[in-house]
Amino acid sequence: MRLLVAGSSAFAVPTLDAVVAAGHQVLGVLTAPDRPGARGRPAPRPVGDRARSLHLPLWQPETLRDPTVMAALVGSGAEALVVASYGRLIPVVLLRALPHGGINVHPSLLPRHRGAAPVAAAILADDPETGVSIMQMAEGLDTGPVHAATVLPIPPDATRPTLTAVLAQAGADLLVEVLARVAAGTASPEPQDAGRATYTPRLDRRTGELDWSLPAAVIDRHVRALQPWPGTTLPLGGQRVKVVAGDPLPHGPALDTPPGHVRTIEGSAAIVQTGEGWYRCRRVQPPSRPVMDAAAYLRGRRGPALSPSEQDAAP
């Protein structure tokens, strides 16, 4: 098939590789414009870099609503638009102009977790499983009929990056099967049950601003789900730090200590009281500093900034 492929994050790279390997003709790759990153370096541009390495035509419009851009896409000769984590609105007029419309690789088991952050939502909800759906795009947000879905378990230690990578490859493999059916005229996507739909909003910094009164299991899910951005911040050592790694512990003996109390230092980790259970805080990132072991961080914070309990715990 003659395809346009739209994607911006690393999730879309296996999709691009898969359609090329399957022998489809990629007439153009759509991705976000290049942006400046931290400290003067360019921001990551995984799809753009991959398209350049494959010598594919690369388009980076700010918006697809530009009449010139739309005319070029409609007139490209493409039979379908494949979308995977593009991050920009696809005008309905484009979907209607292509013979096979738009086909989306969505990392959830639709209709559950429609929206912008489905992988994080599945971890935050403590879902035992998730998956990837290949959806025929429609006017609503992730509302189109589903061609096929693959179900995958969510490991108890899954982080958003690790789970996203697994889903990206599973979605790329499933997409190739769906495209073969679309090309053969045998595809028969099934409508979604709108009554079972859930939605996940875009993540922002407030999503990860927590306090220790939450149960340890809830804190753990946030730490794993919100990597690498926006991250999970909690008060420790007299300031808010980003908690990068850790794990919940079984309930210890009932102690008359408030949430946030550092019970002890265990190797390089700090054992912190939560609203329900203990959390083993392994790695943290203080403001404007690199990631470090929690114990090393607390050693450096000895003094007035620490609570009496934290001073007692610091080695």
C-alpha atoms as a PDB file:
ATOM      1  CA  MET A   1       0.000   0.000   0.000  1.00  0.00           C
ATOM      2  CA  ARG A   2       0.982   3.617  -0.479  1.00  0.00           C
ATOM      3  CA  LEU A   3       1.113   5.150   2.981  1.00  0.00           C
ATOM      4  CA  LEU A   4       1.691   8.310   4.913  1.00  0.00           C
ATOM      5  CA  VAL A   5       3.030   7.672   8.430  1.00  0.00           C
ATOM      6  CA  ALA A   6       2.542  10.178  11.263  1.00  0.00           C
ATOM      7  CA  GLY A   7       4.331   9.913  14.599  1.00  0.00           C
ATOM      8  CA  SER A   8       6.517  11.942  16.924  1.00  0.00           C
ATOM      9  CA  SER A   9       7.616   9.948  19.981  1.00  0.00           C
ATOM     10  CA  ALA A  10       9.828   6.856  20.095  1.00  0.00           C
ATOM     11  CA  PHE A  11       6.634   4.765  20.288  1.00  0.00           C
ATOM     12  CA  ALA A  12       6.150   5.370  16.540  1.00  0.00           C
ATOM     13  CA  VAL A  13       9.581   4.167  15.406  1.00  0.00           C
ATOM     14  CA  PRO A  14       8.760   0.413  15.374  1.00  0.00           C
ATOM     15  CA  THR A  15       5.612   1.242  13.394  1.00  0.00           C
ATOM     16  CA  LEU A  16       7.628   3.083  10.760  1.00  0.00           C
ATOM     17  CA  ASP A  17      10.191   0.281  10.602  1.00  0.00           C
ATOM     18  CA  ALA A  18       7.472  -2.365  10.334  1.00  0.00           C
ATOM     19  CA  VAL A  19       5.611  -0.835   7.400  1.00  0.00           C
ATOM     20  CA  VAL A  20       8.864  -0.319   5.505  1.00  0.00           C
ATOM     21  CA  ALA A  21       9.985  -3.899   6.213  1.00  0.00           C
ATOM     22  CA  ALA A  22       6.595  -5.206   5.074  1.00  0.00           C
ATOM     23  CA  GLY A  23       7.124  -3.631   1.675  1.00  0.00           C
ATOM     24  CA  HIS A  24       4.650  -0.769   1.900  1.00  0.00           C
ATOM     25  CA  GLN A  25       5.544   2.393   0.014  1.00  0.00           C
ATOM     26  CA  VAL A  26       5.929   5.255   2.490  1.00  0.00           C
ATOM     27  CA  LEU A  27       5.285   8.432   0.526  1.00  0.00           C
ATOM     28  CA  GLY A  28       5.942  10.718   3.473  1.00  0.00           C
ATOM     29  CA  VAL A  29       6.593  10.771   7.219  1.00  0.00           C
ATOM     30  CA  LEU A  30       4.847  13.398   9.320  1.00  0.00           C
ATOM     31  CA  THR A  31       6.406  14.370  12.629  1.00  0.00           C
ATOM     32  CA  ALA A  32       6.589  17.331  14.976  1.00  0.00           C
ATOM     33  CA  PRO A  33       8.919  20.203  14.085  1.00  0.00           C
ATOM     34  CA  ASP A  34      12.389  20.057  15.636  1.00  0.00           C
ATOM     35  CA  ARG A  35      12.549  21.835  18.985  1.00  0.00           C
ATOM     36  CA  PRO A  36      15.403  23.099  21.145  1.00  0.00           C
ATOM     37  CA  GLY A  37      16.105  20.921  24.150  1.00  0.00           C
ATOM     38  CA  ALA A  38      17.923  21.393  27.427  1.00  0.00           C
ATOM     39  CA  ARG A  39      21.197  23.304  27.591  1.00  0.00           C
ATOM     40  CA  GLY A  40      21.160  24.249  23.937  1.00  0.00           C
ATOM     41  CA  ARG A  41      20.978  20.698  22.640  1.00  0.00           C
ATOM     42  CA  PRO A  42      18.182  19.726  20.233  1.00  0.00           C
ATOM     43  CA  ALA A  43      15.245  17.897  21.754  1.00  0.00           C
ATOM     44  CA  PRO A  44      14.932  14.184  20.911  1.00  0.00           C
ATOM     45  CA  ARG A  45      13.445  13.637  17.453  1.00  0.00           C
ATOM     46  CA  PRO A  46      13.262   9.831  17.104  1.00  0.00           C
ATOM     47  CA  VAL A  47      10.810   9.654  14.198  1.00  0.00           C
ATOM     48  CA  GLY A  48      12.484  12.414  12.215  1.00  0.00           C
ATOM     49  CA  ASP A  49      15.895  10.832  12.701  1.00  0.00           C
ATOM     50  CA  ARG A  50      14.601   7.413  11.669  1.00  0.00           C
ATOM     51  CA  ALA A  51      12.913   8.812   8.548  1.00  0.00           C
ATOM     52  CA  ARG A  52      16.123  10.554   7.538  1.00  0.00           C
ATOM     53  CA  SER A  53      18.134   7.357   8.022  1.00  0.00           C
ATOM     54  CA  LEU A  54      15.655   5.505   5.775  1.00  0.00           C
ATOM     55  CA  HIS A  55      15.810   8.331   3.188  1.00  0.00           C
ATOM     56  CA  LEU A  56      12.055   8.885   3.406  1.00  0.00           C
ATOM     57  CA  PRO A  57      10.375  12.217   2.614  1.00  0.00           C
ATOM     58  CA  LEU A  58       9.948  14.076   5.911  1.00  0.00           C
ATOM     59  CA  TRP A  59       7.268  16.674   6.614  1.00  0.00           C
ATOM     60  CA  GLN A  60       7.255  18.673   9.846  1.00  0.00           C
ATOM     61  CA  PRO A  61       4.336  21.115   9.672  1.00  0.00           C
ATOM     62  CA  GLU A  62       3.209  23.026  12.752  1.00  0.00           C
ATOM     63  CA  THR A  63      -0.377  22.142  11.856  1.00  0.00           C
ATOM     64  CA  LEU A  64      -2.118  19.978   9.301  1.00  0.00           C
ATOM     65  CA  ARG A  65      -4.813  22.617   8.914  1.00  0.00           C
ATOM     66  CA  ASP A  66      -2.550  24.733   6.711  1.00  0.00           C
ATOM     67  CA  PRO A  67      -4.234  24.662   3.256  1.00  0.00           C
ATOM     68  CA  THR A  68      -0.940  24.123   1.463  1.00  0.00           C
ATOM     69  CA  VAL A  69      -0.028  21.195   3.714  1.00  0.00           C
ATOM     70  CA  MET A  70      -3.495  19.681   3.388  1.00  0.00           C
ATOM     71  CA  ALA A  71      -3.417  19.945  -0.400  1.00  0.00           C
ATOM     72  CA  ALA A  72      -0.044  18.199  -0.509  1.00  0.00           C
ATOM     73  CA  LEU A  73      -1.236  15.366   1.719  1.00  0.00           C
ATOM     74  CA  VAL A  74      -4.488  14.836  -0.142  1.00  0.00           C
ATOM     75  CA  GLY A  75      -2.672  14.935  -3.465  1.00  0.00           C
ATOM     76  CA  SER A  76       0.173  12.657  -2.396  1.00  0.00           C
ATOM     77  CA  GLY A  77      -1.429   9.530  -3.819  1.00  0.00           C
ATOM     78  CA  ALA A  78      -1.464   7.817  -0.421  1.00  0.00           C
ATOM     79  CA  GLU A  79      -4.093   5.163   0.184  1.00  0.00           C
ATOM     80  CA  ALA A  80      -4.026   5.453   3.989  1.00  0.00           C
ATOM     81  CA  LEU A  81      -2.531   7.434   6.843  1.00  0.00           C
ATOM     82  CA  VAL A  82      -0.916   5.391   9.632  1.00  0.00           C
ATOM     83  CA  VAL A  83      -0.774   7.257  12.950  1.00  0.00           C
ATOM     84  CA  ALA A  84       1.203   6.304  16.072  1.00  0.00           C
ATOM     85  CA  SER A  85       1.695   8.851  18.857  1.00  0.00           C
ATOM     86  CA  TYR A  86       1.701  11.851  16.542  1.00  0.00           C
ATOM     87  CA  GLY A  87       0.412  14.367  19.093  1.00  0.00           C
ATOM     88  CA  ARG A  88      -1.401  16.587  16.603  1.00  0.00           C
ATOM     89  CA  LEU A  89      -4.982  16.797  15.454  1.00  0.00           C
ATOM     90  CA  ILE A  90      -5.712  14.931  12.217  1.00  0.00           C
ATOM     91  CA  PRO A  91      -8.356  16.857  10.242  1.00  0.00           C
ATOM     92  CA  VAL A  92     -11.382  14.769   9.306  1.00  0.00           C
ATOM     93  CA  VAL A  93     -11.147  16.055   5.740  1.00  0.00           C
ATOM     94  CA  LEU A  94      -7.835  14.213   5.358  1.00  0.00           C
ATOM     95  CA  LEU A  95      -9.252  10.966   6.732  1.00  0.00           C
ATOM     96  CA  ARG A  96     -12.119  11.179   4.293  1.00  0.00           C
ATOM     97  CA  ALA A  97      -9.900  12.028   1.335  1.00  0.00           C
ATOM     98  CA  LEU A  98      -7.769   8.873   1.540  1.00  0.00           C
ATOM     99  CA  PRO A  99      -9.256   5.615   0.220  1.00  0.00           C
ATOM    100  CA  HIS A 100      -8.603   3.721   3.463  1.00  0.00           C
ATOM    101  CA  GLY A 101      -8.668   6.723   5.809  1.00  0.00           C
ATOM    102  CA  GLY A 102      -6.543   6.790   8.936  1.00  0.00           C
ATOM    103  CA  ILE A 103      -5.364   3.742  10.897  1.00  0.00           C
ATOM    104  CA  ASN A 104      -4.151   4.388  14.435  1.00  0.00           C
ATOM    105  CA  VAL A 105      -1.845   2.338  16.677  1.00  0.00           C
ATOM    106  CA  HIS A 106      -3.191   3.033  20.193  1.00  0.00           C
ATOM    107  CA  PRO A 107      -1.446   1.631  23.318  1.00  0.00           C
ATOM    108  CA  SER A 108      -4.488   0.485  25.296  1.00  0.00           C
ATOM    109  CA  LEU A 109      -7.351  -1.969  25.041  1.00  0.00           C
ATOM    110  CA  LEU A 110      -9.963   0.358  23.608  1.00  0.00           C
ATOM    111  CA  PRO A 111     -12.413   1.616  24.711  1.00  0.00           C
ATOM    112  CA  ARG A 112     -10.453   1.647  27.997  1.00  0.00           C
ATOM    113  CA  HIS A 113      -7.995   4.526  28.334  1.00  0.00           C
ATOM    114  CA  ARG A 114      -8.830   6.642  25.351  1.00  0.00           C
ATOM    115  CA  GLY A 115      -6.870   9.880  25.238  1.00  0.00           C
ATOM    116  CA  ALA A 116      -3.378  11.249  25.597  1.00  0.00           C
ATOM    117  CA  ALA A 117      -1.628   9.095  28.229  1.00  0.00           C
ATOM    118  CA  PRO A 118      -3.010   5.545  28.079  1.00  0.00           C
ATOM    119  CA  VAL A 119       0.140   3.738  29.232  1.00  0.00           C
ATOM    120  CA  ALA A 120       0.476   5.885  32.343  1.00  0.00           C
ATOM    121  CA  ALA A 121      -3.259   5.533  32.992  1.00  0.00           C
ATOM    122  CA  ALA A 122      -3.082   1.732  32.941  1.00  0.00           C
ATOM    123  CA  ILE A 123      -0.270   1.693  35.529  1.00  0.00           C
ATOM    124  CA  LEU A 124      -1.952   4.313  37.718  1.00  0.00           C
ATOM    125  CA  ALA A 125      -5.216   2.359  37.658  1.00  0.00           C
ATOM    126  CA  ASP A 126      -3.376  -0.815  38.726  1.00  0.00           C
ATOM    127  CA  ASP A 127      -4.754  -2.648  35.706  1.00  0.00           C
ATOM    128  CA  PRO A 128      -3.527  -6.255  35.577  1.00  0.00           C
ATOM    129  CA  GLU A 129      -3.261  -6.099  31.802  1.00  0.00           C
ATOM    130  CA  THR A 130      -3.215  -3.662  28.939  1.00  0.00           C
ATOM    131  CA  GLY A 131      -2.518  -3.975  25.246  1.00  0.00           C
ATOM    132  CA  VAL A 132      -2.506  -2.246  21.910  1.00  0.00           C
ATOM    133  CA  SER A 133      -5.432  -1.604  19.578  1.00  0.00           C
ATOM    134  CA  ILE A 134      -5.373  -0.939  15.843  1.00  0.00           C
ATOM    135  CA  MET A 135      -8.229   1.484  15.255  1.00  0.00           C
ATOM    136  CA  GLN A 136      -9.848   2.957  12.168  1.00  0.00           C
ATOM    137  CA  MET A 137      -9.756   6.678  12.885  1.00  0.00           C
ATOM    138  CA  ALA A 138     -13.012   8.600  13.196  1.00  0.00           C
ATOM    139  CA  GLU A 139     -13.969  12.140  14.122  1.00  0.00           C
ATOM    140  CA  GLY A 140     -14.124  11.613  17.900  1.00  0.00           C
ATOM    141  CA  LEU A 141     -11.188  11.060  20.264  1.00  0.00           C
ATOM    142  CA  ASP A 142     -10.172   7.401  19.873  1.00  0.00           C
ATOM    143  CA  THR A 143     -13.774   6.469  19.075  1.00  0.00           C
ATOM    144  CA  GLY A 144     -13.335   4.597  15.788  1.00  0.00           C
ATOM    145  CA  PRO A 145     -13.943   0.880  15.235  1.00  0.00           C
ATOM    146  CA  VAL A 146     -11.153  -1.507  16.211  1.00  0.00           C
ATOM    147  CA  HIS A 147      -9.517  -3.794  13.648  1.00  0.00           C
ATOM    148  CA  ALA A 148      -7.576  -5.916  16.145  1.00  0.00           C
ATOM    149  CA  ALA A 149      -6.083  -5.848  19.642  1.00  0.00           C
ATOM    150  CA  THR A 150      -3.274  -7.624  21.461  1.00  0.00           C
ATOM    151  CA  VAL A 151      -3.536  -8.198  25.229  1.00  0.00           C
ATOM    152  CA  LEU A 152      -0.398  -8.027  27.375  1.00  0.00           C
ATOM    153  CA  PRO A 153       0.085  -8.388  31.156  1.00  0.00           C
ATOM    154  CA  ILE A 154       1.452  -5.459  33.139  1.00  0.00           C
ATOM    155  CA  PRO A 155       4.423  -6.635  35.240  1.00  0.00           C
ATOM    156  CA  PRO A 156       4.347  -5.423  38.870  1.00  0.00           C
ATOM    157  CA  ASP A 157       7.549  -3.437  38.326  1.00  0.00           C
ATOM    158  CA  ALA A 158       6.590  -1.999  34.920  1.00  0.00           C
ATOM    159  CA  THR A 159       7.507   1.619  34.276  1.00  0.00           C
ATOM    160  CA  ARG A 160       5.992   3.745  31.554  1.00  0.00           C
ATOM    161  CA  PRO A 161       9.132   3.579  29.380  1.00  0.00           C
ATOM    162  CA  THR A 162       9.507  -0.215  29.655  1.00  0.00           C
ATOM    163  CA  LEU A 163       5.812  -0.901  29.057  1.00  0.00           C
ATOM    164  CA  THR A 164       5.650   1.593  26.190  1.00  0.00           C
ATOM    165  CA  ALA A 165       8.544  -0.137  24.420  1.00  0.00           C
ATOM    166  CA  VAL A 166       6.799  -3.523  24.626  1.00  0.00           C
ATOM    167  CA  LEU A 167       3.519  -2.064  23.386  1.00  0.00           C
ATOM    168  CA  ALA A 168       5.247  -0.215  20.550  1.00  0.00           C
ATOM    169  CA  GLN A 169       6.660  -3.418  19.097  1.00  0.00           C
ATOM    170  CA  ALA A 170       3.445  -5.369  19.659  1.00  0.00           C
ATOM    171  CA  GLY A 171       1.482  -2.607  17.936  1.00  0.00           C
ATOM    172  CA  ALA A 172       3.838  -2.505  14.961  1.00  0.00           C
ATOM    173  CA  ASP A 173       3.553  -6.267  14.462  1.00  0.00           C
ATOM    174  CA  LEU A 174      -0.240  -6.177  14.714  1.00  0.00           C
ATOM    175  CA  LEU A 175      -0.476  -3.207  12.346  1.00  0.00           C
ATOM    176  CA  VAL A 176       1.257  -5.171   9.575  1.00  0.00           C
ATOM    177  CA  GLU A 177      -1.399  -7.894   9.886  1.00  0.00           C
ATOM    178  CA  VAL A 178      -4.199  -5.334   9.766  1.00  0.00           C
ATOM    179  CA  LEU A 179      -2.767  -3.532   6.740  1.00  0.00           C
ATOM    180  CA  ALA A 180      -2.653  -6.831   4.868  1.00  0.00           C
ATOM    181  CA  ARG A 181      -6.373  -7.302   5.529  1.00  0.00           C
ATOM    182  CA  VAL A 182      -7.142  -3.709   4.569  1.00  0.00           C
ATOM    183  CA  ALA A 183      -5.236  -4.091   1.284  1.00  0.00           C
ATOM    184  CA  ALA A 184      -7.038  -7.373   0.558  1.00  0.00           C
ATOM    185  CA  GLY A 185     -10.438  -5.880   1.277  1.00  0.00           C
ATOM    186  CA  THR A 186     -11.119  -8.341   4.127  1.00  0.00           C
ATOM    187  CA  ALA A 187     -10.839  -5.949   7.091  1.00  0.00           C
ATOM    188  CA  SER A 188     -13.918  -5.764   9.307  1.00  0.00           C
ATOM    189  CA  PRO A 189     -13.310  -3.434  12.279  1.00  0.00           C
ATOM    190  CA  GLU A 190     -15.699  -3.771  15.232  1.00  0.00           C
ATOM    191  CA  PRO A 191     -17.420  -0.734  16.802  1.00  0.00           C
ATOM    192  CA  GLN A 192     -16.341   0.165  20.321  1.00  0.00           C
ATOM    193  CA  ASP A 193     -18.713  -0.082  23.279  1.00  0.00           C
ATOM    194  CA  ALA A 194     -18.908   3.608  24.198  1.00  0.00           C
ATOM    195  CA  GLY A 195     -20.507   2.734  27.543  1.00  0.00           C
ATOM    196  CA  ARG A 196     -17.231   1.145  28.691  1.00  0.00           C
ATOM    197  CA  ALA A 197     -15.015   4.024  27.608  1.00  0.00           C
ATOM    198  CA  THR A 198     -12.605   5.720  29.989  1.00  0.00           C
ATOM    199  CA  TYR A 199     -10.507   8.788  29.220  1.00  0.00           C
ATOM    200  CA  THR A 200      -7.051   9.842  30.292  1.00  0.00           C
ATOM    201  CA  PRO A 201      -6.079  13.518  30.166  1.00  0.00           C
ATOM    202  CA  ARG A 202      -2.682  14.878  29.247  1.00  0.00           C
ATOM    203  CA  LEU A 203      -0.129  14.614  32.026  1.00  0.00           C
ATOM    204  CA  ASP A 204       1.152  17.774  33.692  1.00  0.00           C
ATOM    205  CA  ARG A 205       3.434  18.588  36.589  1.00  0.00           C
ATOM    206  CA  ARG A 206       0.573  18.604  39.087  1.00  0.00           C
ATOM    207  CA  THR A 207      -0.131  14.937  38.342  1.00  0.00           C
ATOM    208  CA  GLY A 208       3.054  13.935  40.134  1.00  0.00           C
ATOM    209  CA  GLU A 209       2.996  16.352  43.077  1.00  0.00           C
ATOM    210  CA  LEU A 210       2.227  13.954  45.926  1.00  0.00           C
ATOM    211  CA  ASP A 211       2.595  13.711  49.679  1.00  0.00           C
ATOM    212  CA  TRP A 212       3.441  10.772  51.912  1.00  0.00           C
ATOM    213  CA  SER A 213      -0.110  10.448  53.299  1.00  0.00           C
ATOM    214  CA  LEU A 214      -0.994   8.316  50.266  1.00  0.00           C
ATOM    215  CA  PRO A 215      -0.599   4.526  50.492  1.00  0.00           C
ATOM    216  CA  ALA A 216       2.815   3.199  49.514  1.00  0.00           C
ATOM    217  CA  ALA A 217       1.281   1.221  46.635  1.00  0.00           C
ATOM    218  CA  VAL A 218      -0.265   4.378  45.157  1.00  0.00           C
ATOM    219  CA  ILE A 219       3.017   6.275  45.443  1.00  0.00           C
ATOM    220  CA  ASP A 220       4.801   3.385  43.735  1.00  0.00           C
ATOM    221  CA  ARG A 221       2.367   3.407  40.823  1.00  0.00           C
ATOM    222  CA  HIS A 222       2.899   7.143  40.320  1.00  0.00           C
ATOM    223  CA  VAL A 223       6.688   6.782  40.397  1.00  0.00           C
ATOM    224  CA  ARG A 224       6.538   4.061  37.735  1.00  0.00           C
ATOM    225  CA  ALA A 225       3.804   5.642  35.590  1.00  0.00           C
ATOM    226  CA  LEU A 226       5.124   9.195  35.427  1.00  0.00           C
ATOM    227  CA  GLN A 227       8.624   8.448  34.150  1.00  0.00           C
ATOM    228  CA  PRO A 228      10.396  10.211  32.578  1.00  0.00           C
ATOM    229  CA  TRP A 229       8.031  13.192  32.667  1.00  0.00           C
ATOM    230  CA  PRO A 230       6.486  14.823  34.652  1.00  0.00           C
ATOM    231  CA  GLY A 231       7.952  12.635  37.386  1.00  0.00           C
ATOM    232  CA  THR A 232       6.770  12.209  40.964  1.00  0.00           C
ATOM    233  CA  THR A 233       7.844  14.717  43.606  1.00  0.00           C
ATOM    234  CA  LEU A 234       7.612  14.215  47.362  1.00  0.00           C
ATOM    235  CA  PRO A 235       8.994  16.110  50.375  1.00  0.00           C
ATOM    236  CA  LEU A 236      12.214  14.580  51.652  1.00  0.00           C
ATOM    237  CA  GLY A 237      15.120  16.128  53.495  1.00  0.00           C
ATOM    238  CA  GLY A 238      13.381  19.484  53.832  1.00  0.00           C
ATOM    239  CA  GLN A 239      12.598  19.980  50.138  1.00  0.00           C
ATOM    240  CA  ARG A 240      10.605  18.401  47.351  1.00  0.00           C
ATOM    241  CA  VAL A 241      12.593  15.905  45.305  1.00  0.00           C
ATOM    242  CA  LYS A 242      11.746  13.780  42.296  1.00  0.00           C
ATOM    243  CA  VAL A 243      11.521  10.152  43.359  1.00  0.00           C
ATOM    244  CA  VAL A 244      13.035   8.188  40.481  1.00  0.00           C
ATOM    245  CA  ALA A 245      12.975   4.622  41.808  1.00  0.00           C
ATOM    246  CA  GLY A 246      11.682   2.670  44.764  1.00  0.00           C
ATOM    247  CA  ASP A 247       9.166   0.055  45.800  1.00  0.00           C
ATOM    248  CA  PRO A 248       6.430  -0.448  48.415  1.00  0.00           C
ATOM    249  CA  LEU A 249       7.051  -2.669  51.430  1.00  0.00           C
ATOM    250  CA  PRO A 250       4.571  -4.811  53.377  1.00  0.00           C
ATOM    251  CA  HIS A 251       2.932  -3.247  56.396  1.00  0.00           C
ATOM    252  CA  GLY A 252       5.348  -2.930  59.276  1.00  0.00           C
ATOM    253  CA  PRO A 253       4.446  -2.685  62.954  1.00  0.00           C
ATOM    254  CA  ALA A 254       2.088   0.156  63.852  1.00  0.00           C
ATOM    255  CA  LEU A 255       4.205   3.125  64.903  1.00  0.00           C
ATOM    256  CA  ASP A 256       3.155   6.521  66.172  1.00  0.00           C
ATOM    257  CA  THR A 257       4.970   8.362  63.386  1.00  0.00           C
ATOM    258  CA  PRO A 258       3.558  10.660  60.718  1.00  0.00           C
ATOM    259  CA  PRO A 259       3.697  10.025  56.982  1.00  0.00           C
ATOM    260  CA  GLY A 260       7.053  11.180  55.641  1.00  0.00           C
ATOM    261  CA  HIS A 261       8.983   9.916  58.689  1.00  0.00           C
ATOM    262  CA  VAL A 262      12.243   8.255  57.602  1.00  0.00           C
ATOM    263  CA  ARG A 263      12.228   5.006  59.542  1.00  0.00           C
ATOM    264  CA  THR A 264      15.743   3.923  58.660  1.00  0.00           C
ATOM    265  CA  ILE A 265      18.433   3.793  56.005  1.00  0.00           C
ATOM    266  CA  GLU A 266      18.693   0.421  54.288  1.00  0.00           C
ATOM    267  CA  GLY A 267      21.861   0.303  52.220  1.00  0.00           C
ATOM    268  CA  SER A 268      21.511   3.112  49.680  1.00  0.00           C
ATOM    269  CA  ALA A 269      17.737   3.479  50.202  1.00  0.00           C
ATOM    270  CA  ALA A 270      15.580   5.354  52.694  1.00  0.00           C
ATOM    271  CA  ILE A 271      12.561   3.600  54.259  1.00  0.00           C
ATOM    272  CA  VAL A 272       9.781   6.169  54.529  1.00  0.00           C
ATOM    273  CA  GLN A 273       6.464   5.971  56.396  1.00  0.00           C
ATOM    274  CA  THR A 274       3.424   6.511  54.167  1.00  0.00           C
ATOM    275  CA  GLY A 275      -0.282   6.731  54.867  1.00  0.00           C
ATOM    276  CA  GLU A 276      -0.427   2.965  54.450  1.00  0.00           C
ATOM    277  CA  GLY A 277       2.745   0.915  54.658  1.00  0.00           C
ATOM    278  CA  TRP A 278       6.372   1.814  54.040  1.00  0.00           C
ATOM    279  CA  TYR A 279       8.029   2.943  50.831  1.00  0.00           C
ATOM    280  CA  ARG A 280      11.634   2.066  50.045  1.00  0.00           C
ATOM    281  CA  CYS A 281      12.899   5.201  48.314  1.00  0.00           C
ATOM    282  CA  ARG A 282      15.921   4.145  46.294  1.00  0.00           C
ATOM    283  CA  ARG A 283      16.825   6.960  43.897  1.00  0.00           C
ATOM    284  CA  VAL A 284      15.954  10.665  43.956  1.00  0.00           C
ATOM    285  CA  GLN A 285      16.719  13.784  41.967  1.00  0.00           C
ATOM    286  CA  PRO A 286      16.963  16.971  44.033  1.00  0.00           C
ATOM    287  CA  PRO A 287      16.182  20.284  42.318  1.00  0.00           C
ATOM    288  CA  SER A 288      18.863  21.217  39.758  1.00  0.00           C
ATOM    289  CA  ARG A 289      20.991  18.212  40.699  1.00  0.00           C
ATOM    290  CA  PRO A 290      21.660  14.779  39.160  1.00  0.00           C
ATOM    291  CA  VAL A 291      19.922  11.577  40.196  1.00  0.00           C
ATOM    292  CA  MET A 292      21.465   9.988  43.305  1.00  0.00           C
ATOM    293  CA  ASP A 293      20.846   7.329  45.929  1.00  0.00           C
ATOM    294  CA  ALA A 294      18.342   8.425  48.568  1.00  0.00           C
ATOM    295  CA  ALA A 295      20.782   7.650  51.405  1.00  0.00           C
ATOM    296  CA  ALA A 296      23.499   9.814  49.842  1.00  0.00           C
ATOM    297  CA  TYR A 297      20.997  12.609  49.379  1.00  0.00           C
ATOM    298  CA  LEU A 298      19.957  12.494  53.039  1.00  0.00           C
ATOM    299  CA  ARG A 299      23.580  12.468  54.197  1.00  0.00           C
ATOM    300  CA  GLY A 300      24.081  15.710  52.311  1.00  0.00           C
ATOM    301  CA  ARG A 301      20.978  17.236  53.930  1.00  0.00           C
ATOM    302  CA  ARG A 302      21.991  16.767  57.564  1.00  0.00           C
ATOM    303  CA  GLY A 303      21.304  19.823  59.645  1.00  0.00           C
ATOM    304  CA  PRO A 304      18.448  22.299  60.208  1.00  0.00           C
ATOM    305  CA  ALA A 305      16.711  21.349  56.934  1.00  0.00           C
ATOM    306  CA  LEU A 306      16.065  17.834  58.285  1.00  0.00           C
ATOM    307  CA  SER A 307      13.355  16.922  60.759  1.00  0.00           C
ATOM    308  CA  PRO A 308      14.615  15.300  64.008  1.00  0.00           C
ATOM    309  CA  SER A 309      13.507  11.863  62.756  1.00  0.00           C
ATOM    310  CA  GLU A 310      15.338  12.330  59.473  1.00  0.00           C
ATOM    311  CA  GLN A 311      18.493  13.457  61.299  1.00  0.00           C
ATOM    312  CA  ASP A 312      18.325  10.286  63.406  1.00  0.00           C
ATOM    313  CA  ALA A 313      17.954   8.119  60.310  1.00  0.00           C
ATOM    314  CA  ALA A 314      20.712   9.728  58.257  1.00  0.00           C
ATOM    315  CA  PRO A 315      23.849   7.541  58.421  1.00  0.00           C
END
